[in-house]
Amino acid sequence: MWDTFFYILGICTFVHYLYSQLWSPILICLSHLKDLLLPMLKKSLTEKYGNWAVVTGSTDGMGKSYAKHLALKGFNIVLISRSEEKLKAVKKEIESEAGVEVRYIVADFTQNFEIYDKIAKQLEDIPVGILANNVGLSRSTPGSFDEHSEKLIWDMILVNVTATMLMTKIVLPGMKQRGKGAIVNISSLSVFAPLIHNAGVYAACKKCVSSVTKVLQWELMEYKNIDVQLIEPSFVDTNMVSFSQDIKNHSLTCSSDEWAKSVIDLLGRTNTTKGHFKHALTSFIFSPMPETLRMLLIYWHAQSFDYKKS
């Protein structure tokens, strides 16, 4: 009797694993097949969501690439970041490459709630079709939890968690009123296996982002034309991994442009994704392992990286 029970339990566990890892890629393939066979039914992203996209943390790395590739799809862009000098440069670059209208808002997400009043006022006349909550903050170099300053921990919560929630609160009423839109929340694969001595606080913040996004997906199910997408990427070659040349050059690390192009193609096709094939492969390898084993393997592997602890 017990042999049969554990045999069935094993089969169920394996089937659940295959479903959780393969169902999203299958849906993507079916969606692409539908676009190939029935191209006249395919809607552009601007037709589906509107003409304006807002991207936070958009002057470097993933945010800049995401904004640029949305612009190449025909979206007008609102860039939000803290450096006006960088915002002006990215604005000029995107306008030159894509020929769309680009605006920017200077906002430091480590500041108090007043910045959100300022952002809301500047977005009043803009029908936001896509909000990409990309802005993020982590340690610049590895270090244990007690080496995080109180200011850094507080800033990481404000940037990685509070910004995502309050930016969503600003644009969501307008999306509901128009009956269309997309909220894209960028979490991290570190929620499955935080990198010891580097990503503990960061992973905790991103776990919160993943949780809130899943709740939003359920709450907005009645709004058929409002999509909420959760992205859980692994390493992308940006300033956030600049502390390690080995991570930047790792075979499972992709460039920000590769990542952005891939993940934008998945918008509206799947509500949860790793965003890029390399990151999906990483998840497929590590997901069936117990969390403790995942953390140990990543920790041991990270010891060979060339980074310096601060």
C-alpha atoms as a PDB file:
ATOM      1  CA  MET A   1       0.000   0.000   0.000  1.00  0.00           C
ATOM      2  CA  TRP A   2       2.704   2.483   0.974  1.00  0.00           C
ATOM      3  CA  ASP A   3       4.743   1.570  -2.117  1.00  0.00           C
ATOM      4  CA  THR A   4       1.764   2.473  -4.280  1.00  0.00           C
ATOM      5  CA  PHE A   5       1.187   5.704  -2.379  1.00  0.00           C
ATOM      6  CA  PHE A   6       4.782   6.911  -2.810  1.00  0.00           C
ATOM      7  CA  TYR A   7       4.798   5.782  -6.441  1.00  0.00           C
ATOM      8  CA  ILE A   8       1.717   7.921  -7.169  1.00  0.00           C
ATOM      9  CA  LEU A   9       3.128  10.796  -5.109  1.00  0.00           C
ATOM     10  CA  GLY A  10       6.345  10.675  -7.128  1.00  0.00           C
ATOM     11  CA  ILE A  11       4.450  10.729 -10.423  1.00  0.00           C
ATOM     12  CA  CYS A  12       2.301  13.651  -9.261  1.00  0.00           C
ATOM     13  CA  THR A  13       5.378  15.606  -8.133  1.00  0.00           C
ATOM     14  CA  PHE A  14       7.113  15.008 -11.473  1.00  0.00           C
ATOM     15  CA  VAL A  15       4.025  16.005 -13.466  1.00  0.00           C
ATOM     16  CA  HIS A  16       3.654  19.177 -11.375  1.00  0.00           C
ATOM     17  CA  TYR A  17       7.298  20.043 -12.001  1.00  0.00           C
ATOM     18  CA  LEU A  18       6.925  19.566 -15.765  1.00  0.00           C
ATOM     19  CA  TYR A  19       3.750  21.637 -15.754  1.00  0.00           C
ATOM     20  CA  SER A  20       5.298  24.508 -13.783  1.00  0.00           C
ATOM     21  CA  GLN A  21       8.411  24.626 -15.951  1.00  0.00           C
ATOM     22  CA  LEU A  22       7.054  23.812 -19.416  1.00  0.00           C
ATOM     23  CA  TRP A  23       3.514  25.177 -19.530  1.00  0.00           C
ATOM     24  CA  SER A  24       4.620  28.767 -20.056  1.00  0.00           C
ATOM     25  CA  PRO A  25       7.027  27.914 -22.946  1.00  0.00           C
ATOM     26  CA  ILE A  26       4.294  25.770 -24.529  1.00  0.00           C
ATOM     27  CA  LEU A  27       1.845  28.685 -24.364  1.00  0.00           C
ATOM     28  CA  ILE A  28       4.459  30.964 -25.922  1.00  0.00           C
ATOM     29  CA  CYS A  29       5.069  28.505 -28.775  1.00  0.00           C
ATOM     30  CA  LEU A  30       1.334  28.128 -29.388  1.00  0.00           C
ATOM     31  CA  SER A  31       0.930  31.892 -29.402  1.00  0.00           C
ATOM     32  CA  HIS A  32       3.762  32.330 -31.926  1.00  0.00           C
ATOM     33  CA  LEU A  33       2.254  29.546 -34.049  1.00  0.00           C
ATOM     34  CA  LYS A  34      -1.094  31.341 -34.004  1.00  0.00           C
ATOM     35  CA  ASP A  35       0.632  34.563 -35.132  1.00  0.00           C
ATOM     36  CA  LEU A  36       2.267  32.708 -38.026  1.00  0.00           C
ATOM     37  CA  LEU A  37      -0.890  30.910 -39.137  1.00  0.00           C
ATOM     38  CA  LEU A  38      -3.326  33.768 -38.496  1.00  0.00           C
ATOM     39  CA  PRO A  39      -1.266  36.968 -38.899  1.00  0.00           C
ATOM     40  CA  MET A  40      -4.351  39.073 -39.542  1.00  0.00           C
ATOM     41  CA  LEU A  41      -5.505  38.402 -35.965  1.00  0.00           C
ATOM     42  CA  LYS A  42      -2.248  39.577 -34.430  1.00  0.00           C
ATOM     43  CA  LYS A  43      -2.447  42.903 -32.603  1.00  0.00           C
ATOM     44  CA  SER A  44       0.533  45.165 -32.120  1.00  0.00           C
ATOM     45  CA  LEU A  45       1.384  46.023 -28.534  1.00  0.00           C
ATOM     46  CA  THR A  46       0.348  49.647 -29.099  1.00  0.00           C
ATOM     47  CA  GLU A  47      -3.055  48.504 -30.409  1.00  0.00           C
ATOM     48  CA  LYS A  48      -3.467  46.262 -27.398  1.00  0.00           C
ATOM     49  CA  TYR A  49      -2.310  48.594 -24.630  1.00  0.00           C
ATOM     50  CA  GLY A  50      -2.087  52.164 -25.935  1.00  0.00           C
ATOM     51  CA  ASN A  51       0.699  54.443 -27.137  1.00  0.00           C
ATOM     52  CA  TRP A  52       2.528  55.339 -23.923  1.00  0.00           C
ATOM     53  CA  ALA A  53       4.894  53.316 -21.754  1.00  0.00           C
ATOM     54  CA  VAL A  54       6.509  54.308 -18.460  1.00  0.00           C
ATOM     55  CA  VAL A  55       9.808  52.695 -17.460  1.00  0.00           C
ATOM     56  CA  THR A  56      11.424  53.271 -14.070  1.00  0.00           C
ATOM     57  CA  GLY A  57      15.182  53.020 -13.616  1.00  0.00           C
ATOM     58  CA  SER A  58      15.532  53.654 -17.328  1.00  0.00           C
ATOM     59  CA  THR A  59      18.922  55.332 -17.766  1.00  0.00           C
ATOM     60  CA  ASP A  60      21.083  52.198 -17.576  1.00  0.00           C
ATOM     61  CA  GLY A  61      21.060  48.461 -18.123  1.00  0.00           C
ATOM     62  CA  MET A  62      17.793  46.555 -18.309  1.00  0.00           C
ATOM     63  CA  GLY A  63      15.558  49.617 -17.924  1.00  0.00           C
ATOM     64  CA  LYS A  64      17.254  51.543 -20.707  1.00  0.00           C
ATOM     65  CA  SER A  65      17.141  48.534 -23.044  1.00  0.00           C
ATOM     66  CA  TYR A  66      13.487  47.849 -22.161  1.00  0.00           C
ATOM     67  CA  ALA A  67      12.545  51.464 -22.911  1.00  0.00           C
ATOM     68  CA  LYS A  68      14.492  51.445 -26.162  1.00  0.00           C
ATOM     69  CA  HIS A  69      12.910  48.233 -27.464  1.00  0.00           C
ATOM     70  CA  LEU A  70       9.418  49.430 -26.493  1.00  0.00           C
ATOM     71  CA  ALA A  71      10.124  52.622 -28.451  1.00  0.00           C
ATOM     72  CA  LEU A  72      11.160  50.540 -31.460  1.00  0.00           C
ATOM     73  CA  LYS A  73       7.722  48.891 -31.198  1.00  0.00           C
ATOM     74  CA  GLY A  74       6.120  52.332 -31.577  1.00  0.00           C
ATOM     75  CA  PHE A  75       5.558  53.386 -27.961  1.00  0.00           C
ATOM     76  CA  ASN A  76       6.088  56.906 -26.724  1.00  0.00           C
ATOM     77  CA  ILE A  77       8.196  56.646 -23.594  1.00  0.00           C
ATOM     78  CA  VAL A  78       8.279  58.264 -20.163  1.00  0.00           C
ATOM     79  CA  LEU A  79      11.665  57.692 -18.560  1.00  0.00           C
ATOM     80  CA  ILE A  80      11.914  57.895 -14.773  1.00  0.00           C
ATOM     81  CA  SER A  81      15.262  57.969 -12.992  1.00  0.00           C
ATOM     82  CA  ARG A  82      17.246  60.152 -10.597  1.00  0.00           C
ATOM     83  CA  SER A  83      19.926  61.620 -12.914  1.00  0.00           C
ATOM     84  CA  GLU A  84      18.610  64.364 -15.183  1.00  0.00           C
ATOM     85  CA  GLU A  85      21.836  64.366 -17.169  1.00  0.00           C
ATOM     86  CA  LYS A  86      21.465  60.662 -17.974  1.00  0.00           C
ATOM     87  CA  LEU A  87      17.739  61.076 -18.661  1.00  0.00           C
ATOM     88  CA  LYS A  88      18.436  63.766 -21.240  1.00  0.00           C
ATOM     89  CA  ALA A  89      21.042  61.574 -22.940  1.00  0.00           C
ATOM     90  CA  VAL A  90      18.756  58.510 -23.087  1.00  0.00           C
ATOM     91  CA  LYS A  91      15.840  60.669 -24.278  1.00  0.00           C
ATOM     92  CA  LYS A  92      17.934  61.993 -27.149  1.00  0.00           C
ATOM     93  CA  GLU A  93      19.214  58.504 -28.008  1.00  0.00           C
ATOM     94  CA  ILE A  94      15.757  56.895 -28.118  1.00  0.00           C
ATOM     95  CA  GLU A  95      14.191  59.768 -30.071  1.00  0.00           C
ATOM     96  CA  SER A  96      16.993  59.489 -32.615  1.00  0.00           C
ATOM     97  CA  GLU A  97      16.742  55.697 -32.981  1.00  0.00           C
ATOM     98  CA  ALA A  98      12.964  55.217 -32.791  1.00  0.00           C
ATOM     99  CA  GLY A  99      11.434  58.529 -33.818  1.00  0.00           C
ATOM    100  CA  VAL A 100       8.918  58.546 -30.958  1.00  0.00           C
ATOM    101  CA  GLU A 101       8.069  61.128 -28.323  1.00  0.00           C
ATOM    102  CA  VAL A 102      10.097  60.752 -25.136  1.00  0.00           C
ATOM    103  CA  ARG A 103       9.503  62.555 -21.859  1.00  0.00           C
ATOM    104  CA  TYR A 104      11.298  62.159 -18.578  1.00  0.00           C
ATOM    105  CA  ILE A 105      10.661  62.605 -14.869  1.00  0.00           C
ATOM    106  CA  VAL A 106      13.496  63.129 -12.410  1.00  0.00           C
ATOM    107  CA  ALA A 107      12.806  61.048  -9.294  1.00  0.00           C
ATOM    108  CA  ASP A 108      15.022  59.478  -6.662  1.00  0.00           C
ATOM    109  CA  PHE A 109      13.135  56.464  -5.303  1.00  0.00           C
ATOM    110  CA  THR A 110      15.176  56.488  -2.089  1.00  0.00           C
ATOM    111  CA  GLN A 111      13.356  59.688  -1.109  1.00  0.00           C
ATOM    112  CA  ASN A 112      10.083  60.035   0.792  1.00  0.00           C
ATOM    113  CA  PHE A 113       6.522  59.720  -0.502  1.00  0.00           C
ATOM    114  CA  GLU A 114       6.402  63.266  -1.879  1.00  0.00           C
ATOM    115  CA  ILE A 115       8.090  62.095  -5.078  1.00  0.00           C
ATOM    116  CA  TYR A 116       5.008  60.033  -5.947  1.00  0.00           C
ATOM    117  CA  ASP A 117       2.770  63.113  -5.828  1.00  0.00           C
ATOM    118  CA  LYS A 118       5.180  64.736  -8.274  1.00  0.00           C
ATOM    119  CA  ILE A 119       5.185  61.683 -10.549  1.00  0.00           C
ATOM    120  CA  ALA A 120       1.385  61.371 -10.458  1.00  0.00           C
ATOM    121  CA  LYS A 121       0.954  65.036 -11.469  1.00  0.00           C
ATOM    122  CA  GLN A 122       3.359  64.662 -14.390  1.00  0.00           C
ATOM    123  CA  LEU A 123       1.541  61.539 -15.606  1.00  0.00           C
ATOM    124  CA  GLU A 124      -1.953  63.073 -15.340  1.00  0.00           C
ATOM    125  CA  ASP A 125      -2.230  63.852 -19.055  1.00  0.00           C
ATOM    126  CA  ILE A 126      -0.602  60.606 -20.217  1.00  0.00           C
ATOM    127  CA  PRO A 127      -2.737  57.492 -20.895  1.00  0.00           C
ATOM    128  CA  VAL A 128      -0.190  54.969 -19.621  1.00  0.00           C
ATOM    129  CA  GLY A 129      -0.490  51.717 -21.574  1.00  0.00           C
ATOM    130  CA  ILE A 130       2.497  49.910 -20.066  1.00  0.00           C
ATOM    131  CA  LEU A 131       4.191  50.425 -16.719  1.00  0.00           C
ATOM    132  CA  ALA A 132       7.525  48.645 -16.373  1.00  0.00           C
ATOM    133  CA  ASN A 133       8.592  48.596 -12.720  1.00  0.00           C
ATOM    134  CA  ASN A 134      12.262  48.030 -13.387  1.00  0.00           C
ATOM    135  CA  VAL A 135      14.095  50.263 -10.904  1.00  0.00           C
ATOM    136  CA  GLY A 136      16.235  48.215  -8.530  1.00  0.00           C
ATOM    137  CA  LEU A 137      19.003  48.528  -5.977  1.00  0.00           C
ATOM    138  CA  SER A 138      21.480  45.990  -4.606  1.00  0.00           C
ATOM    139  CA  ARG A 139      24.890  46.013  -2.936  1.00  0.00           C
ATOM    140  CA  SER A 140      27.658  47.162  -5.253  1.00  0.00           C
ATOM    141  CA  THR A 141      29.950  44.439  -3.861  1.00  0.00           C
ATOM    142  CA  PRO A 142      29.241  41.206  -1.947  1.00  0.00           C
ATOM    143  CA  GLY A 143      28.903  41.309   1.815  1.00  0.00           C
ATOM    144  CA  SER A 144      27.100  39.513   4.647  1.00  0.00           C
ATOM    145  CA  PHE A 145      23.836  40.797   6.132  1.00  0.00           C
ATOM    146  CA  ASP A 146      25.472  42.582   9.080  1.00  0.00           C
ATOM    147  CA  GLU A 147      27.720  44.449   6.635  1.00  0.00           C
ATOM    148  CA  HIS A 148      24.662  46.119   5.088  1.00  0.00           C
ATOM    149  CA  SER A 149      24.290  49.627   6.507  1.00  0.00           C
ATOM    150  CA  GLU A 150      20.900  50.643   7.917  1.00  0.00           C
ATOM    151  CA  LYS A 151      20.658  53.270   5.148  1.00  0.00           C
ATOM    152  CA  LEU A 152      21.304  50.667   2.433  1.00  0.00           C
ATOM    153  CA  ILE A 153      18.690  48.260   3.819  1.00  0.00           C
ATOM    154  CA  TRP A 154      16.116  51.061   3.995  1.00  0.00           C
ATOM    155  CA  ASP A 155      16.968  52.300   0.493  1.00  0.00           C
ATOM    156  CA  MET A 156      16.701  48.784  -0.928  1.00  0.00           C
ATOM    157  CA  ILE A 157      13.205  48.410   0.504  1.00  0.00           C
ATOM    158  CA  LEU A 158      12.149  51.831  -0.840  1.00  0.00           C
ATOM    159  CA  VAL A 159      13.558  51.192  -4.327  1.00  0.00           C
ATOM    160  CA  ASN A 160      12.829  47.494  -4.808  1.00  0.00           C
ATOM    161  CA  VAL A 161       9.463  47.233  -3.025  1.00  0.00           C
ATOM    162  CA  THR A 162       7.816  50.588  -2.317  1.00  0.00           C
ATOM    163  CA  ALA A 163       8.467  51.994  -5.804  1.00  0.00           C
ATOM    164  CA  THR A 164       6.810  49.005  -7.474  1.00  0.00           C
ATOM    165  CA  MET A 165       3.704  49.236  -5.293  1.00  0.00           C
ATOM    166  CA  LEU A 166       3.208  53.005  -5.405  1.00  0.00           C
ATOM    167  CA  MET A 167       3.934  53.339  -9.144  1.00  0.00           C
ATOM    168  CA  THR A 168       1.343  50.623  -9.770  1.00  0.00           C
ATOM    169  CA  LYS A 169      -1.129  52.475  -7.547  1.00  0.00           C
ATOM    170  CA  ILE A 170      -0.626  55.635  -9.648  1.00  0.00           C
ATOM    171  CA  VAL A 171      -1.333  54.104 -13.075  1.00  0.00           C
ATOM    172  CA  LEU A 172      -3.802  51.309 -12.290  1.00  0.00           C
ATOM    173  CA  PRO A 173      -6.963  53.462 -11.923  1.00  0.00           C
ATOM    174  CA  GLY A 174      -6.411  54.910 -15.413  1.00  0.00           C
ATOM    175  CA  MET A 175      -5.891  51.454 -16.897  1.00  0.00           C
ATOM    176  CA  LYS A 176      -9.124  50.249 -15.296  1.00  0.00           C
ATOM    177  CA  GLN A 177     -10.985  53.269 -16.643  1.00  0.00           C
ATOM    178  CA  ARG A 178      -9.658  52.721 -20.185  1.00  0.00           C
ATOM    179  CA  GLY A 179     -10.089  48.967 -19.894  1.00  0.00           C
ATOM    180  CA  LYS A 180      -6.596  48.106 -21.102  1.00  0.00           C
ATOM    181  CA  GLY A 181      -2.972  48.203 -20.084  1.00  0.00           C
ATOM    182  CA  ALA A 182      -0.049  46.169 -18.788  1.00  0.00           C
ATOM    183  CA  ILE A 183       1.912  46.230 -15.552  1.00  0.00           C
ATOM    184  CA  VAL A 184       5.326  44.592 -15.787  1.00  0.00           C
ATOM    185  CA  ASN A 185       7.043  43.853 -12.480  1.00  0.00           C
ATOM    186  CA  ILE A 186      10.651  42.757 -12.572  1.00  0.00           C
ATOM    187  CA  SER A 187      11.561  40.431  -9.736  1.00  0.00           C
ATOM    188  CA  SER A 188      14.571  38.097  -9.746  1.00  0.00           C
ATOM    189  CA  LEU A 189      15.510  34.434  -9.930  1.00  0.00           C
ATOM    190  CA  SER A 190      17.230  35.064  -6.582  1.00  0.00           C
ATOM    191  CA  VAL A 191      13.828  34.547  -4.912  1.00  0.00           C
ATOM    192  CA  PHE A 192      14.433  30.808  -5.437  1.00  0.00           C
ATOM    193  CA  ALA A 193      18.027  30.781  -4.228  1.00  0.00           C
ATOM    194  CA  PRO A 194      19.440  33.947  -2.628  1.00  0.00           C
ATOM    195  CA  LEU A 195      23.161  34.283  -3.196  1.00  0.00           C
ATOM    196  CA  ILE A 196      24.765  34.080   0.250  1.00  0.00           C
ATOM    197  CA  HIS A 197      26.984  37.094   1.070  1.00  0.00           C
ATOM    198  CA  ASN A 198      25.395  39.110  -1.714  1.00  0.00           C
ATOM    199  CA  ALA A 199      21.654  38.979  -2.369  1.00  0.00           C
ATOM    200  CA  GLY A 200      19.875  38.219   0.899  1.00  0.00           C
ATOM    201  CA  VAL A 201      18.143  41.577   1.391  1.00  0.00           C
ATOM    202  CA  TYR A 202      17.736  42.029  -2.355  1.00  0.00           C
ATOM    203  CA  ALA A 203      16.125  38.588  -2.716  1.00  0.00           C
ATOM    204  CA  ALA A 204      13.767  39.295   0.175  1.00  0.00           C
ATOM    205  CA  CYS A 205      12.618  42.487  -1.541  1.00  0.00           C
ATOM    206  CA  LYS A 206      12.124  40.694  -4.837  1.00  0.00           C
ATOM    207  CA  LYS A 207      10.170  37.933  -3.088  1.00  0.00           C
ATOM    208  CA  CYS A 208       7.762  40.638  -1.993  1.00  0.00           C
ATOM    209  CA  VAL A 209       7.505  41.924  -5.583  1.00  0.00           C
ATOM    210  CA  SER A 210       6.718  38.395  -6.827  1.00  0.00           C
ATOM    211  CA  SER A 211       4.059  37.934  -4.158  1.00  0.00           C
ATOM    212  CA  VAL A 212       2.321  41.260  -4.813  1.00  0.00           C
ATOM    213  CA  THR A 213       2.372  40.645  -8.568  1.00  0.00           C
ATOM    214  CA  LYS A 214       0.677  37.264  -8.191  1.00  0.00           C
ATOM    215  CA  VAL A 215      -2.019  38.857  -6.047  1.00  0.00           C
ATOM    216  CA  LEU A 216      -2.557  41.550  -8.716  1.00  0.00           C
ATOM    217  CA  GLN A 217      -2.868  38.875 -11.390  1.00  0.00           C
ATOM    218  CA  TRP A 218      -5.777  37.331  -9.492  1.00  0.00           C
ATOM    219  CA  GLU A 219      -7.401  40.626  -8.547  1.00  0.00           C
ATOM    220  CA  LEU A 220      -7.369  41.867 -12.149  1.00  0.00           C
ATOM    221  CA  MET A 221      -8.618  38.669 -13.777  1.00  0.00           C
ATOM    222  CA  GLU A 222     -11.986  40.312 -14.493  1.00  0.00           C
ATOM    223  CA  TYR A 223     -10.204  42.952 -16.593  1.00  0.00           C
ATOM    224  CA  LYS A 224      -9.496  40.848 -19.656  1.00  0.00           C
ATOM    225  CA  ASN A 225      -7.395  43.516 -21.381  1.00  0.00           C
ATOM    226  CA  ILE A 226      -5.181  44.412 -18.426  1.00  0.00           C
ATOM    227  CA  ASP A 227      -2.152  42.138 -18.184  1.00  0.00           C
ATOM    228  CA  VAL A 228       0.089  41.806 -15.144  1.00  0.00           C
ATOM    229  CA  GLN A 229       3.388  40.175 -15.988  1.00  0.00           C
ATOM    230  CA  LEU A 230       5.945  38.893 -13.498  1.00  0.00           C
ATOM    231  CA  ILE A 231       9.518  38.583 -14.772  1.00  0.00           C
ATOM    232  CA  GLU A 232      12.082  36.662 -12.709  1.00  0.00           C
ATOM    233  CA  PRO A 233      15.384  37.046 -14.576  1.00  0.00           C
ATOM    234  CA  SER A 234      18.755  35.628 -13.658  1.00  0.00           C
ATOM    235  CA  PHE A 235      22.034  37.453 -14.355  1.00  0.00           C
ATOM    236  CA  VAL A 236      21.975  40.214 -16.979  1.00  0.00           C
ATOM    237  CA  ASP A 237      25.157  42.044 -17.950  1.00  0.00           C
ATOM    238  CA  THR A 238      24.497  45.370 -16.203  1.00  0.00           C
ATOM    239  CA  ASN A 239      26.092  47.574 -13.563  1.00  0.00           C
ATOM    240  CA  MET A 240      24.457  45.413 -10.896  1.00  0.00           C
ATOM    241  CA  VAL A 241      26.896  42.560 -11.674  1.00  0.00           C
ATOM    242  CA  SER A 242      29.874  44.775 -12.493  1.00  0.00           C
ATOM    243  CA  PHE A 243      31.599  43.554  -9.317  1.00  0.00           C
ATOM    244  CA  SER A 244      32.378  40.241 -11.061  1.00  0.00           C
ATOM    245  CA  GLN A 245      33.833  39.761 -14.523  1.00  0.00           C
ATOM    246  CA  ASP A 246      33.092  36.040 -14.242  1.00  0.00           C
ATOM    247  CA  ILE A 247      29.360  36.709 -13.813  1.00  0.00           C
ATOM    248  CA  LYS A 248      29.357  39.200 -16.699  1.00  0.00           C
ATOM    249  CA  ASN A 249      31.016  36.627 -18.972  1.00  0.00           C
ATOM    250  CA  HIS A 250      29.096  33.597 -17.702  1.00  0.00           C
ATOM    251  CA  SER A 251      27.473  31.442 -20.396  1.00  0.00           C
ATOM    252  CA  LEU A 252      24.041  31.854 -18.731  1.00  0.00           C
ATOM    253  CA  THR A 253      24.321  35.653 -18.507  1.00  0.00           C
ATOM    254  CA  CYS A 254      22.707  37.609 -21.344  1.00  0.00           C
ATOM    255  CA  SER A 255      23.089  41.214 -22.444  1.00  0.00           C
ATOM    256  CA  SER A 256      20.435  43.764 -21.488  1.00  0.00           C
ATOM    257  CA  ASP A 257      19.426  44.162 -25.146  1.00  0.00           C
ATOM    258  CA  GLU A 258      19.035  40.392 -25.599  1.00  0.00           C
ATOM    259  CA  TRP A 259      16.956  40.243 -22.436  1.00  0.00           C
ATOM    260  CA  ALA A 260      14.742  43.218 -23.300  1.00  0.00           C
ATOM    261  CA  LYS A 261      13.985  42.044 -26.834  1.00  0.00           C
ATOM    262  CA  SER A 262      13.120  38.563 -25.600  1.00  0.00           C
ATOM    263  CA  VAL A 263      10.940  39.641 -22.696  1.00  0.00           C
ATOM    264  CA  ILE A 264       8.980  42.274 -24.642  1.00  0.00           C
ATOM    265  CA  ASP A 265       8.083  39.593 -27.195  1.00  0.00           C
ATOM    266  CA  LEU A 266       6.506  37.651 -24.299  1.00  0.00           C
ATOM    267  CA  LEU A 267       4.308  40.526 -23.105  1.00  0.00           C
ATOM    268  CA  GLY A 268       0.688  39.456 -23.294  1.00  0.00           C
ATOM    269  CA  ARG A 269       1.658  35.865 -24.033  1.00  0.00           C
ATOM    270  CA  THR A 270       2.498  34.685 -20.527  1.00  0.00           C
ATOM    271  CA  ASN A 271       1.923  36.223 -17.115  1.00  0.00           C
ATOM    272  CA  THR A 272       5.035  34.741 -15.456  1.00  0.00           C
ATOM    273  CA  THR A 273       8.350  34.274 -17.202  1.00  0.00           C
ATOM    274  CA  LYS A 274      12.086  34.217 -16.696  1.00  0.00           C
ATOM    275  CA  GLY A 275      12.316  36.443 -19.764  1.00  0.00           C
ATOM    276  CA  HIS A 276      15.131  34.746 -21.642  1.00  0.00           C
ATOM    277  CA  PHE A 277      15.935  31.181 -22.661  1.00  0.00           C
ATOM    278  CA  LYS A 278      19.188  31.161 -20.674  1.00  0.00           C
ATOM    279  CA  HIS A 279      17.353  32.144 -17.517  1.00  0.00           C
ATOM    280  CA  ALA A 280      14.583  29.605 -18.144  1.00  0.00           C
ATOM    281  CA  LEU A 281      17.291  26.940 -18.444  1.00  0.00           C
ATOM    282  CA  THR A 282      18.805  28.044 -15.125  1.00  0.00           C
ATOM    283  CA  SER A 283      15.398  27.766 -13.473  1.00  0.00           C
ATOM    284  CA  PHE A 284      14.751  24.350 -15.026  1.00  0.00           C
ATOM    285  CA  ILE A 285      18.018  23.037 -13.569  1.00  0.00           C
ATOM    286  CA  PHE A 286      17.621  24.436 -10.053  1.00  0.00           C
ATOM    287  CA  SER A 287      13.845  24.405  -9.408  1.00  0.00           C
ATOM    288  CA  PRO A 288      13.436  20.693  -8.521  1.00  0.00           C
ATOM    289  CA  MET A 289      16.154  20.910  -5.858  1.00  0.00           C
ATOM    290  CA  PRO A 290      15.367  21.625  -2.196  1.00  0.00           C
ATOM    291  CA  GLU A 291      15.979  25.284  -1.356  1.00  0.00           C
ATOM    292  CA  THR A 292      18.921  24.502   0.957  1.00  0.00           C
ATOM    293  CA  LEU A 293      20.658  22.544  -1.795  1.00  0.00           C
ATOM    294  CA  ARG A 294      20.024  25.318  -4.321  1.00  0.00           C
ATOM    295  CA  MET A 295      21.565  27.893  -2.004  1.00  0.00           C
ATOM    296  CA  LEU A 296      24.592  25.716  -1.234  1.00  0.00           C
ATOM    297  CA  LEU A 297      25.298  24.906  -4.882  1.00  0.00           C
ATOM    298  CA  ILE A 298      25.053  28.554  -5.917  1.00  0.00           C
ATOM    299  CA  TYR A 299      27.188  29.584  -2.940  1.00  0.00           C
ATOM    300  CA  TRP A 300      29.899  27.023  -3.770  1.00  0.00           C
ATOM    301  CA  HIS A 301      29.831  28.022  -7.421  1.00  0.00           C
ATOM    302  CA  ALA A 302      30.067  31.700  -6.486  1.00  0.00           C
ATOM    303  CA  GLN A 303      33.273  31.078  -4.533  1.00  0.00           C
ATOM    304  CA  SER A 304      35.084  30.660  -7.850  1.00  0.00           C
ATOM    305  CA  PHE A 305      33.971  34.098  -9.049  1.00  0.00           C
ATOM    306  CA  ASP A 306      36.552  36.858  -9.155  1.00  0.00           C
ATOM    307  CA  TYR A 307      34.663  39.397  -7.050  1.00  0.00           C
ATOM    308  CA  LYS A 308      36.097  41.073  -3.993  1.00  0.00           C
ATOM    309  CA  LYS A 309      34.167  41.237  -0.759  1.00  0.00           C
ATOM    310  CA  SER A 310      33.794  44.716   0.642  1.00  0.00           C
END
